Amino acid sequence: MSDRTDKPVSNTLIRETILAQTGERGTAKSICPSEVARALATEWQGLMSRVRREAVVLMQEGAIDILRKGKPVPAEEVRGVIRLRRRAAPQD
């Protein structure tokens, strides 16, 4: 997304942006949460906690993985440096 704004950003828009960016990268690559925040606002630092919180929601819904040191972590271990990756569809 290139339409950066400093208007209020909804949680839905944050989730949509996470899904769009992780979808562009595919299941083999990840994004930094700051990429999402930077896409949404010029003053992006204040969005970081919300981006991380919405990433946890998407992880719990099964849409993405949250990675620490390249490995998926459960919600209770989401802290420090993380990356976001689109979760691969289950194989039948």
Protein backbone atom coordinates (compact mmCIF):
# COMPACT_ATOMS: atom_id res chain seq x y z
CA MET A 1 0.00 0.00 0.00
CA SER A 2 1.38 3.37 -0.91
CA ASP A 3 -1.47 5.56 0.41
CA ARG A 4 0.15 6.50 3.69
CA THR A 5 -1.93 8.61 6.00
CA ASP A 6 -1.83 10.00 9.46
CA LYS A 7 -5.58 9.61 9.86
CA PRO A 8 -6.85 7.02 12.35
CA VAL A 9 -6.09 3.49 11.15
CA SER A 10 -8.62 0.75 11.87
CA ASN A 11 -7.69 -2.71 13.11
CA THR A 12 -9.36 -4.10 9.99
CA LEU A 13 -7.05 -2.04 7.77
CA ILE A 14 -4.04 -3.26 9.75
CA ARG A 15 -5.11 -6.90 9.28
CA GLU A 16 -5.82 -6.34 5.57
CA THR A 17 -2.38 -4.79 5.11
CA ILE A 18 -0.66 -7.66 6.93
CA LEU A 19 -2.50 -10.16 4.72
CA ALA A 20 -1.72 -8.21 1.54
CA GLN A 21 1.98 -7.87 2.31
CA THR A 22 2.46 -11.46 3.48
CA GLY A 23 0.46 -12.64 0.47
CA GLU A 24 2.80 -10.76 -1.87
CA ARG A 25 5.82 -12.48 -0.29
CA GLY A 26 4.24 -15.94 -0.20
CA THR A 27 4.81 -18.70 2.32
CA ALA A 28 8.59 -18.87 1.82
CA LYS A 29 9.38 -15.27 2.84
CA SER A 30 8.43 -13.04 5.74
CA ILE A 31 7.87 -9.36 6.46
CA CYS A 32 8.78 -7.13 9.37
CA PRO A 33 5.82 -5.65 11.27
CA SER A 34 7.35 -2.20 10.71
CA GLU A 35 6.75 -2.63 6.97
CA VAL A 36 3.02 -2.75 7.70
CA ALA A 37 3.14 0.28 9.97
CA ARG A 38 5.22 2.26 7.46
CA ALA A 39 2.71 1.47 4.71
CA LEU A 40 -0.12 2.89 6.80
CA ALA A 41 1.28 6.09 8.30
CA THR A 42 4.14 8.52 8.01
CA GLU A 43 4.28 8.58 11.81
CA TRP A 44 4.37 4.78 11.90
CA GLN A 45 6.09 4.11 15.23
CA GLY A 46 2.86 4.60 17.18
CA LEU A 47 1.20 1.81 15.18
CA MET A 48 3.73 -0.89 16.05
CA SER A 49 1.96 -2.30 19.12
CA ARG A 50 -1.33 -2.45 17.22
CA VAL A 51 0.31 -4.16 14.23
CA ARG A 52 1.82 -6.77 16.54
CA ARG A 53 -1.52 -7.26 18.33
CA GLU A 54 -3.42 -7.71 15.05
CA ALA A 55 -0.73 -10.11 13.83
CA VAL A 56 -1.45 -12.28 16.88
CA VAL A 57 -5.16 -12.24 15.98
CA LEU A 58 -4.36 -13.38 12.43
CA MET A 59 -2.04 -16.07 13.76
CA GLN A 60 -4.77 -17.37 16.07
CA GLU A 61 -7.15 -17.43 13.08
CA GLY A 62 -4.62 -19.55 11.16
CA ALA A 63 -3.81 -16.97 8.47
CA ILE A 64 -0.16 -16.22 9.30
CA ASP A 65 2.77 -17.47 11.33
CA ILE A 66 4.73 -15.25 13.67
CA LEU A 67 8.42 -16.10 13.61
CA ARG A 68 11.23 -15.59 16.09
CA LYS A 69 14.69 -16.59 14.92
CA GLY A 70 13.05 -18.08 11.82
CA LYS A 71 10.73 -20.45 13.69
CA PRO A 72 6.98 -20.15 14.37
CA VAL A 73 6.15 -19.26 17.98
CA PRO A 74 2.90 -19.51 19.97
CA ALA A 75 1.03 -16.34 20.95
CA GLU A 76 2.42 -16.34 24.49
CA GLU A 77 5.99 -16.19 23.12
CA VAL A 78 5.45 -13.21 20.80
CA ARG A 79 7.99 -10.69 22.05
CA GLY A 80 11.14 -9.04 20.85
CA VAL A 81 12.10 -9.16 17.19
CA ILE A 82 9.45 -10.96 15.13
CA ARG A 83 8.62 -11.52 11.47
CA LEU A 84 5.28 -12.32 9.84
CA ARG A 85 4.76 -15.00 7.18
CA ARG A 86 1.69 -16.21 5.32
CA ARG A 87 0.78 -19.67 6.59
CA ALA A 88 0.85 -22.43 4.00
CA ALA A 89 -2.50 -24.00 3.20
CA PRO A 90 -2.91 -27.44 4.76
CA GLN A 91 -2.24 -30.33 2.41
CA ASP A 92 -5.07 -32.83 1.97
